[in-house]
Amino acid sequence: MTEPAGKHDVFQAIADPTRREILRLLAEKDRPISEIASYFPISRTAVTKHLHLLSESKLVKGRKEGRQKMYHLNTEPLMELKEWLHYYERFWNNKLTRLQFIVEQEPE
């Protein structure tokens, strides 16, 4: 498995529902912090802190455009998460196969 991308790893970054929602918003399009903050009932400062953690984990990148900073999603670090989840899929698939077998064996 790869080393963590930055000071915070991908797993820490996605652990918080607000950060997951920020990632979802940025998956749709690049956005300035003011637009991102408008989706949440928290302060702009709190959103900035979430964006900072996401930046440290390299999941988002910011760039200056005029007077504002635009943020965009960087999907590359999500590969670490995908690889980790892929390992555990076999357990889910085994359980689903067993459940299907049990259900199909029950008399109607």
Protein backbone atom coordinates (compact mmCIF):
# COMPACT_ATOMS: atom_id res chain seq x y z
CA MET A 1 0.00 0.00 0.00
CA THR A 2 1.18 3.54 -0.65
CA GLU A 3 2.43 5.94 2.00
CA PRO A 4 0.04 8.62 3.28
CA ALA A 5 -0.13 11.53 0.86
CA GLY A 6 0.60 14.33 3.33
CA LYS A 7 0.51 15.32 6.98
CA HIS A 8 -2.97 13.82 7.19
CA ASP A 9 -3.88 10.68 5.32
CA VAL A 10 -6.89 10.02 3.13
CA PHE A 11 -8.61 7.98 5.82
CA GLN A 12 -8.49 10.85 8.31
CA ALA A 13 -9.68 13.24 5.65
CA ILE A 14 -12.78 11.27 4.69
CA ALA A 15 -13.65 10.37 8.28
CA ASP A 16 -15.63 13.58 8.67
CA PRO A 17 -19.03 13.95 6.92
CA THR A 18 -18.44 17.65 6.21
CA ARG A 19 -15.19 16.87 4.42
CA ARG A 20 -16.87 14.08 2.44
CA GLU A 21 -19.54 16.57 1.34
CA ILE A 22 -16.85 19.09 0.34
CA LEU A 23 -15.24 16.38 -1.79
CA ARG A 24 -18.61 15.63 -3.39
CA LEU A 25 -19.12 19.31 -4.20
CA LEU A 26 -15.66 19.58 -5.72
CA ALA A 27 -16.24 16.43 -7.76
CA GLU A 28 -18.99 18.37 -9.56
CA LYS A 29 -16.83 21.42 -10.34
CA ASP A 30 -14.09 23.69 -9.02
CA ARG A 31 -15.42 26.13 -6.44
CA PRO A 32 -14.24 29.12 -4.41
CA ILE A 33 -14.38 28.90 -0.62
CA SER A 34 -17.34 31.30 -0.44
CA GLU A 35 -19.43 28.94 -2.58
CA ILE A 36 -18.31 25.87 -0.65
CA ALA A 37 -19.11 27.56 2.67
CA SER A 38 -22.62 28.44 1.46
CA TYR A 39 -23.56 24.74 1.55
CA PHE A 40 -22.87 24.34 5.27
CA PRO A 41 -24.37 25.65 8.53
CA ILE A 42 -20.86 26.25 9.89
CA SER A 43 -18.58 29.28 9.72
CA ARG A 44 -16.36 30.02 6.77
CA THR A 45 -13.42 29.62 9.18
CA ALA A 46 -14.55 26.06 9.94
CA VAL A 47 -14.83 25.30 6.21
CA THR A 48 -11.33 26.73 5.74
CA LYS A 49 -10.03 24.33 8.39
CA HIS A 50 -11.67 21.40 6.59
CA LEU A 51 -10.16 22.54 3.29
CA HIS A 52 -6.76 22.85 4.95
CA LEU A 53 -6.92 19.24 6.17
CA LEU A 54 -8.11 18.09 2.75
CA SER A 55 -5.20 20.00 1.19
CA GLU A 56 -2.70 18.39 3.56
CA SER A 57 -3.99 14.98 2.55
CA LYS A 58 -3.65 16.13 -1.08
CA LEU A 59 -7.32 15.46 -1.85
CA VAL A 60 -7.94 19.08 -2.84
CA LYS A 61 -5.74 21.70 -4.38
CA GLY A 62 -6.26 25.42 -4.37
CA ARG A 63 -5.15 27.97 -6.92
CA LYS A 64 -5.49 31.74 -6.97
CA GLU A 65 -7.82 33.16 -9.59
CA GLY A 66 -7.90 36.90 -9.25
CA ARG A 67 -8.96 37.78 -5.72
CA GLN A 68 -10.28 34.36 -4.77
CA LYS A 69 -8.88 30.91 -4.31
CA MET A 70 -10.47 28.14 -6.35
CA TYR A 71 -10.41 24.60 -5.01
CA HIS A 72 -10.52 21.45 -7.08
CA LEU A 73 -10.60 17.75 -6.31
CA ASN A 74 -7.47 15.66 -6.74
CA THR A 75 -8.62 12.04 -7.07
CA GLU A 76 -5.18 10.42 -7.10
CA PRO A 77 -4.95 9.95 -3.30
CA LEU A 78 -8.32 8.18 -3.38
CA MET A 79 -6.53 5.22 -4.98
CA GLU A 80 -5.15 4.35 -1.54
CA LEU A 81 -8.70 4.13 -0.25
CA LYS A 82 -9.84 2.14 -3.28
CA GLU A 83 -7.03 -0.38 -2.81
CA TRP A 84 -7.88 -0.80 0.87
CA LEU A 85 -11.59 -1.29 0.18
CA HIS A 86 -10.88 -3.69 -2.68
CA TYR A 87 -9.17 -6.08 -0.26
CA TYR A 88 -12.32 -6.25 1.89
CA GLU A 89 -14.75 -6.69 -1.01
CA ARG A 90 -14.10 -10.42 -0.97
CA PHE A 91 -15.57 -10.64 2.52
CA TRP A 92 -18.68 -8.73 1.46
CA ASN A 93 -19.07 -10.85 -1.65
CA ASN A 94 -18.72 -14.07 0.36
CA LYS A 95 -21.40 -12.95 2.80
CA LEU A 96 -23.75 -11.93 -0.01
CA THR A 97 -23.22 -15.28 -1.75
CA ARG A 98 -23.99 -17.13 1.49
CA LEU A 99 -27.09 -15.00 2.07
CA GLN A 100 -28.31 -15.71 -1.45
CA PHE A 101 -27.79 -19.44 -0.91
CA ILE A 102 -29.74 -19.37 2.41
CA VAL A 103 -32.61 -17.38 0.91
CA GLU A 104 -32.86 -19.66 -2.10
CA GLN A 105 -32.92 -22.76 0.13
CA GLU A 106 -35.85 -21.58 2.25
CA PRO A 107 -39.19 -23.16 1.34
CA GLU A 108 -41.75 -20.75 -0.03
